[in-house]
Amino acid sequence: MTETSGGLAYDGMPLPGAAFRIDEATGRIEVTGPMLARGYLGDDAATAEAFVDGWHRTLDAGRIVDGRLEVLGRLDDVVQVGGVNVAVAAVEDVLLDVCDDACVLVAADERWGARLTAYVVGTAPDEALAALVADALGRPAVPRAWVRLPAIPHLPNGKPDRDTLRARSR
């Protein structure tokens, strides 16, 4: 993480002088230590929001189990589907366990709040993939639409090219 000069923990344990905690209300990971930045250059508003009383309020969700930090995903990657929080990355992770590649996109849905569409490469039937997601994450996390592709487009950094996928969907 840039805000920590590249490091704060190793294998879920804080480095010397570092500490982390979880905001119980949001699940947000908060970190502190001598490696923490003082703020964002030229962005006083973002600094005031993210750096509070010597702690950096990350956009990552997590939990602490037996003193070890577990990162669960990004808070800005969580959507509400029918009133239930769904981590889009978690849905992708379940699909990637059985598919050659996968990417999940979110669209607004007037009735449910958000609608997930899964773009997948592989041979597992949609019904089987839906059952895997439901078993792992609950029914609200199951994509409402499935799009089969020969390959998922990727950016040079290796991340799925979500803009290209969105353009294909129009």
C-alpha atoms as a PDB file:
ATOM      1  CA  MET A   1       0.000   0.000   0.000  1.00  0.00           C
ATOM      2  CA  THR A   2       1.392   3.362  -1.032  1.00  0.00           C
ATOM      3  CA  GLU A   3       0.259   5.003   2.207  1.00  0.00           C
ATOM      4  CA  THR A   4       2.584   2.706   4.195  1.00  0.00           C
ATOM      5  CA  SER A   5       5.670   3.016   2.004  1.00  0.00           C
ATOM      6  CA  GLY A   6       5.137  -0.535   0.816  1.00  0.00           C
ATOM      7  CA  GLY A   7       4.676  -2.434   4.034  1.00  0.00           C
ATOM      8  CA  LEU A   8       2.993  -2.711   7.377  1.00  0.00           C
ATOM      9  CA  ALA A   9       2.476  -6.441   7.892  1.00  0.00           C
ATOM     10  CA  TYR A  10       3.991  -9.761   6.926  1.00  0.00           C
ATOM     11  CA  ASP A  11       1.900 -12.919   6.798  1.00  0.00           C
ATOM     12  CA  GLY A  12      -0.902 -11.081   8.585  1.00  0.00           C
ATOM     13  CA  MET A  13       1.262  -9.969  11.490  1.00  0.00           C
ATOM     14  CA  PRO A  14       2.247  -6.308  12.064  1.00  0.00           C
ATOM     15  CA  LEU A  15       5.844  -5.286  11.434  1.00  0.00           C
ATOM     16  CA  PRO A  16       7.739  -3.696  14.362  1.00  0.00           C
ATOM     17  CA  GLY A  17       6.078  -0.426  15.378  1.00  0.00           C
ATOM     18  CA  ALA A  18       3.007  -1.071  13.220  1.00  0.00           C
ATOM     19  CA  ALA A  19      -0.516  -1.895  14.325  1.00  0.00           C
ATOM     20  CA  PHE A  20      -3.877  -2.522  12.755  1.00  0.00           C
ATOM     21  CA  ARG A  21      -7.452  -2.658  13.909  1.00  0.00           C
ATOM     22  CA  ILE A  22     -10.881  -3.187  12.417  1.00  0.00           C
ATOM     23  CA  ASP A  23     -13.641  -0.602  12.558  1.00  0.00           C
ATOM     24  CA  GLU A  24     -16.400  -2.867  13.883  1.00  0.00           C
ATOM     25  CA  ALA A  25     -19.180  -0.800  12.299  1.00  0.00           C
ATOM     26  CA  THR A  26     -17.828  -1.019   8.754  1.00  0.00           C
ATOM     27  CA  GLY A  27     -15.271  -3.840   8.733  1.00  0.00           C
ATOM     28  CA  ARG A  28     -12.706  -1.303   7.501  1.00  0.00           C
ATOM     29  CA  ILE A  29      -9.038  -1.997   8.189  1.00  0.00           C
ATOM     30  CA  GLU A  30      -7.255   0.851   9.956  1.00  0.00           C
ATOM     31  CA  VAL A  31      -3.455   0.921  10.195  1.00  0.00           C
ATOM     32  CA  THR A  32      -0.772   2.932  11.978  1.00  0.00           C
ATOM     33  CA  GLY A  33       2.979   2.945  12.363  1.00  0.00           C
ATOM     34  CA  PRO A  34       6.163   4.873  11.602  1.00  0.00           C
ATOM     35  CA  MET A  35       5.892   3.941   7.911  1.00  0.00           C
ATOM     36  CA  LEU A  36       2.531   5.667   7.527  1.00  0.00           C
ATOM     37  CA  ALA A  37       2.272   8.657   5.202  1.00  0.00           C
ATOM     38  CA  ARG A  38       1.096  11.966   6.628  1.00  0.00           C
ATOM     39  CA  GLY A  39      -1.555  12.428   3.976  1.00  0.00           C
ATOM     40  CA  TYR A  40      -2.185  13.022   0.302  1.00  0.00           C
ATOM     41  CA  LEU A  41      -0.188  15.824  -1.307  1.00  0.00           C
ATOM     42  CA  GLY A  42      -2.482  18.603  -2.449  1.00  0.00           C
ATOM     43  CA  ASP A  43      -5.688  16.862  -1.314  1.00  0.00           C
ATOM     44  CA  ASP A  44      -6.625  18.134   2.129  1.00  0.00           C
ATOM     45  CA  ALA A  45     -10.165  16.709   1.976  1.00  0.00           C
ATOM     46  CA  ALA A  46      -8.992  13.165   1.190  1.00  0.00           C
ATOM     47  CA  THR A  47      -6.298  13.459   3.866  1.00  0.00           C
ATOM     48  CA  ALA A  48      -8.838  14.533   6.498  1.00  0.00           C
ATOM     49  CA  GLU A  49     -11.077  11.600   5.618  1.00  0.00           C
ATOM     50  CA  ALA A  50      -8.407   8.898   5.423  1.00  0.00           C
ATOM     51  CA  PHE A  51      -5.868   9.947   8.088  1.00  0.00           C
ATOM     52  CA  VAL A  52      -7.461  10.326  11.511  1.00  0.00           C
ATOM     53  CA  ASP A  53      -5.574  10.595  14.824  1.00  0.00           C
ATOM     54  CA  GLY A  54      -2.482   8.838  13.474  1.00  0.00           C
ATOM     55  CA  TRP A  55      -4.439   6.024  11.831  1.00  0.00           C
ATOM     56  CA  HIS A  56      -5.018   5.457   8.117  1.00  0.00           C
ATOM     57  CA  ARG A  57      -8.559   4.385   7.319  1.00  0.00           C
ATOM     58  CA  THR A  58      -8.042   2.072   4.326  1.00  0.00           C
ATOM     59  CA  LEU A  59     -10.641   1.086   1.761  1.00  0.00           C
ATOM     60  CA  ASP A  60     -10.022  -2.574   2.588  1.00  0.00           C
ATOM     61  CA  ALA A  61     -12.364  -4.801   4.559  1.00  0.00           C
ATOM     62  CA  GLY A  62     -10.876  -7.298   6.928  1.00  0.00           C
ATOM     63  CA  ARG A  63     -10.921  -9.168  10.176  1.00  0.00           C
ATOM     64  CA  ILE A  64      -8.404 -10.165  12.801  1.00  0.00           C
ATOM     65  CA  VAL A  65      -8.290 -13.863  13.647  1.00  0.00           C
ATOM     66  CA  ASP A  66      -5.918 -15.017  16.382  1.00  0.00           C
ATOM     67  CA  GLY A  67      -4.020 -11.725  16.089  1.00  0.00           C
ATOM     68  CA  ARG A  68      -3.533 -12.192  12.338  1.00  0.00           C
ATOM     69  CA  LEU A  69      -4.985  -9.711   9.836  1.00  0.00           C
ATOM     70  CA  GLU A  70      -7.087 -11.186   7.033  1.00  0.00           C
ATOM     71  CA  VAL A  71      -7.928  -8.897   4.114  1.00  0.00           C
ATOM     72  CA  LEU A  72     -11.390  -9.755   2.790  1.00  0.00           C
ATOM     73  CA  GLY A  73     -11.586  -7.333  -0.124  1.00  0.00           C
ATOM     74  CA  ARG A  74     -12.179  -3.724  -1.005  1.00  0.00           C
ATOM     75  CA  LEU A  75     -15.018  -1.777   0.581  1.00  0.00           C
ATOM     76  CA  ASP A  76     -15.471   0.066  -2.701  1.00  0.00           C
ATOM     77  CA  ASP A  77     -15.950  -3.347  -4.352  1.00  0.00           C
ATOM     78  CA  VAL A  78     -18.949  -4.257  -2.168  1.00  0.00           C
ATOM     79  CA  VAL A  79     -22.440  -3.754  -3.572  1.00  0.00           C
ATOM     80  CA  GLN A  80     -25.907  -4.197  -2.156  1.00  0.00           C
ATOM     81  CA  VAL A  81     -28.052  -6.853  -3.787  1.00  0.00           C
ATOM     82  CA  GLY A  82     -31.500  -7.052  -2.258  1.00  0.00           C
ATOM     83  CA  GLY A  83     -30.241  -5.394   0.921  1.00  0.00           C
ATOM     84  CA  VAL A  84     -27.306  -7.814   1.318  1.00  0.00           C
ATOM     85  CA  ASN A  85     -23.667  -6.738   0.973  1.00  0.00           C
ATOM     86  CA  VAL A  86     -21.889  -8.709  -1.750  1.00  0.00           C
ATOM     87  CA  ALA A  87     -18.136  -8.500  -2.335  1.00  0.00           C
ATOM     88  CA  VAL A  88     -17.670  -8.664  -6.098  1.00  0.00           C
ATOM     89  CA  ALA A  89     -14.089  -9.920  -5.751  1.00  0.00           C
ATOM     90  CA  ALA A  90     -15.320 -12.810  -3.593  1.00  0.00           C
ATOM     91  CA  VAL A  91     -17.740 -13.861  -6.344  1.00  0.00           C
ATOM     92  CA  GLU A  92     -14.880 -13.736  -8.855  1.00  0.00           C
ATOM     93  CA  ASP A  93     -12.678 -15.808  -6.529  1.00  0.00           C
ATOM     94  CA  VAL A  94     -15.308 -18.561  -6.306  1.00  0.00           C
ATOM     95  CA  LEU A  95     -15.649 -18.610 -10.092  1.00  0.00           C
ATOM     96  CA  LEU A  96     -11.886 -18.610 -10.631  1.00  0.00           C
ATOM     97  CA  ASP A  97     -11.643 -21.800  -8.569  1.00  0.00           C
ATOM     98  CA  VAL A  98     -13.466 -23.691 -11.349  1.00  0.00           C
ATOM     99  CA  CYS A  99     -13.230 -21.485 -14.456  1.00  0.00           C
ATOM    100  CA  ASP A 100     -10.223 -20.719 -16.644  1.00  0.00           C
ATOM    101  CA  ASP A 101     -10.935 -17.004 -16.149  1.00  0.00           C
ATOM    102  CA  ALA A 102     -13.770 -14.863 -14.829  1.00  0.00           C
ATOM    103  CA  CYS A 103     -14.798 -11.280 -14.260  1.00  0.00           C
ATOM    104  CA  VAL A 104     -17.945  -9.953 -12.573  1.00  0.00           C
ATOM    105  CA  LEU A 105     -19.478  -6.614 -13.486  1.00  0.00           C
ATOM    106  CA  VAL A 106     -22.093  -4.670 -11.576  1.00  0.00           C
ATOM    107  CA  ALA A 107     -25.038  -2.773 -13.034  1.00  0.00           C
ATOM    108  CA  ALA A 108     -27.678  -0.768 -11.225  1.00  0.00           C
ATOM    109  CA  ASP A 109     -30.965  -2.561 -10.703  1.00  0.00           C
ATOM    110  CA  GLU A 110     -34.070  -0.595  -9.760  1.00  0.00           C
ATOM    111  CA  ARG A 111     -35.567  -3.443  -7.743  1.00  0.00           C
ATOM    112  CA  TRP A 112     -32.507  -5.132  -6.197  1.00  0.00           C
ATOM    113  CA  GLY A 113     -30.016  -2.229  -5.974  1.00  0.00           C
ATOM    114  CA  ALA A 114     -27.349  -3.991  -8.022  1.00  0.00           C
ATOM    115  CA  ARG A 115     -27.244  -6.803 -10.567  1.00  0.00           C
ATOM    116  CA  LEU A 116     -24.187  -8.958 -11.178  1.00  0.00           C
ATOM    117  CA  THR A 117     -23.132 -10.289 -14.569  1.00  0.00           C
ATOM    118  CA  ALA A 118     -20.446 -12.960 -14.726  1.00  0.00           C
ATOM    119  CA  TYR A 119     -18.133 -13.188 -17.730  1.00  0.00           C
ATOM    120  CA  VAL A 120     -16.562 -16.625 -17.683  1.00  0.00           C
ATOM    121  CA  VAL A 121     -14.141 -18.774 -19.663  1.00  0.00           C
ATOM    122  CA  GLY A 122     -14.622 -22.484 -19.089  1.00  0.00           C
ATOM    123  CA  THR A 123     -16.959 -25.409 -19.473  1.00  0.00           C
ATOM    124  CA  ALA A 124     -18.761 -25.637 -16.112  1.00  0.00           C
ATOM    125  CA  PRO A 125     -22.517 -25.146 -16.641  1.00  0.00           C
ATOM    126  CA  ASP A 126     -24.081 -21.878 -15.450  1.00  0.00           C
ATOM    127  CA  GLU A 127     -26.285 -23.794 -12.991  1.00  0.00           C
ATOM    128  CA  ALA A 128     -23.248 -25.448 -11.404  1.00  0.00           C
ATOM    129  CA  LEU A 129     -21.439 -22.102 -11.123  1.00  0.00           C
ATOM    130  CA  ALA A 130     -24.544 -20.504  -9.597  1.00  0.00           C
ATOM    131  CA  ALA A 131     -24.754 -23.303  -7.029  1.00  0.00           C
ATOM    132  CA  LEU A 132     -21.075 -22.863  -6.108  1.00  0.00           C
ATOM    133  CA  VAL A 133     -21.507 -19.124  -5.578  1.00  0.00           C
ATOM    134  CA  ALA A 134     -24.726 -19.624  -3.574  1.00  0.00           C
ATOM    135  CA  ASP A 135     -23.074 -22.251  -1.344  1.00  0.00           C
ATOM    136  CA  ALA A 136     -19.991 -20.102  -0.733  1.00  0.00           C
ATOM    137  CA  LEU A 137     -21.500 -16.632  -0.458  1.00  0.00           C
ATOM    138  CA  GLY A 138     -25.307 -16.876  -0.370  1.00  0.00           C
ATOM    139  CA  ARG A 139     -28.041 -16.449  -2.983  1.00  0.00           C
ATOM    140  CA  PRO A 140     -27.717 -12.649  -3.341  1.00  0.00           C
ATOM    141  CA  ALA A 141     -24.135 -13.126  -4.622  1.00  0.00           C
ATOM    142  CA  VAL A 142     -25.231 -15.295  -7.557  1.00  0.00           C
ATOM    143  CA  PRO A 143     -24.887 -13.393 -10.852  1.00  0.00           C
ATOM    144  CA  ARG A 144     -28.184 -12.827 -12.646  1.00  0.00           C
ATOM    145  CA  ALA A 145     -26.569 -13.185 -16.069  1.00  0.00           C
ATOM    146  CA  TRP A 146     -23.782 -15.360 -17.447  1.00  0.00           C
ATOM    147  CA  VAL A 147     -21.732 -14.449 -20.514  1.00  0.00           C
ATOM    148  CA  ARG A 148     -19.417 -17.045 -22.046  1.00  0.00           C
ATOM    149  CA  LEU A 149     -16.268 -15.764 -23.717  1.00  0.00           C
ATOM    150  CA  PRO A 150     -13.276 -17.473 -25.314  1.00  0.00           C
ATOM    151  CA  ALA A 151     -11.039 -15.120 -23.268  1.00  0.00           C
ATOM    152  CA  ILE A 152     -11.398 -12.257 -20.801  1.00  0.00           C
ATOM    153  CA  PRO A 153      -9.612  -9.108 -22.008  1.00  0.00           C
ATOM    154  CA  HIS A 154      -6.902  -7.949 -19.606  1.00  0.00           C
ATOM    155  CA  LEU A 155      -5.038  -4.694 -19.058  1.00  0.00           C
ATOM    156  CA  PRO A 156      -1.223  -4.605 -19.171  1.00  0.00           C
ATOM    157  CA  ASN A 157      -1.170  -4.916 -15.355  1.00  0.00           C
ATOM    158  CA  GLY A 158      -3.030  -8.238 -15.583  1.00  0.00           C
ATOM    159  CA  LYS A 159      -6.364  -6.994 -14.244  1.00  0.00           C
ATOM    160  CA  PRO A 160      -9.535  -7.682 -16.259  1.00  0.00           C
ATOM    161  CA  ASP A 161     -10.373  -4.901 -18.699  1.00  0.00           C
ATOM    162  CA  ARG A 162     -13.786  -4.055 -17.283  1.00  0.00           C
ATOM    163  CA  ASP A 163     -14.319  -1.121 -19.656  1.00  0.00           C
ATOM    164  CA  THR A 164     -13.915  -3.388 -22.683  1.00  0.00           C
ATOM    165  CA  LEU A 165     -16.342  -5.890 -21.188  1.00  0.00           C
ATOM    166  CA  ARG A 166     -18.875  -3.128 -20.485  1.00  0.00           C
ATOM    167  CA  ALA A 167     -18.542  -1.867 -24.069  1.00  0.00           C
ATOM    168  CA  ARG A 168     -19.211  -5.388 -25.395  1.00  0.00           C
ATOM    169  CA  SER A 169     -22.392  -5.534 -23.338  1.00  0.00           C
ATOM    170  CA  ARG A 170     -23.988  -2.471 -24.895  1.00  0.00           C
END
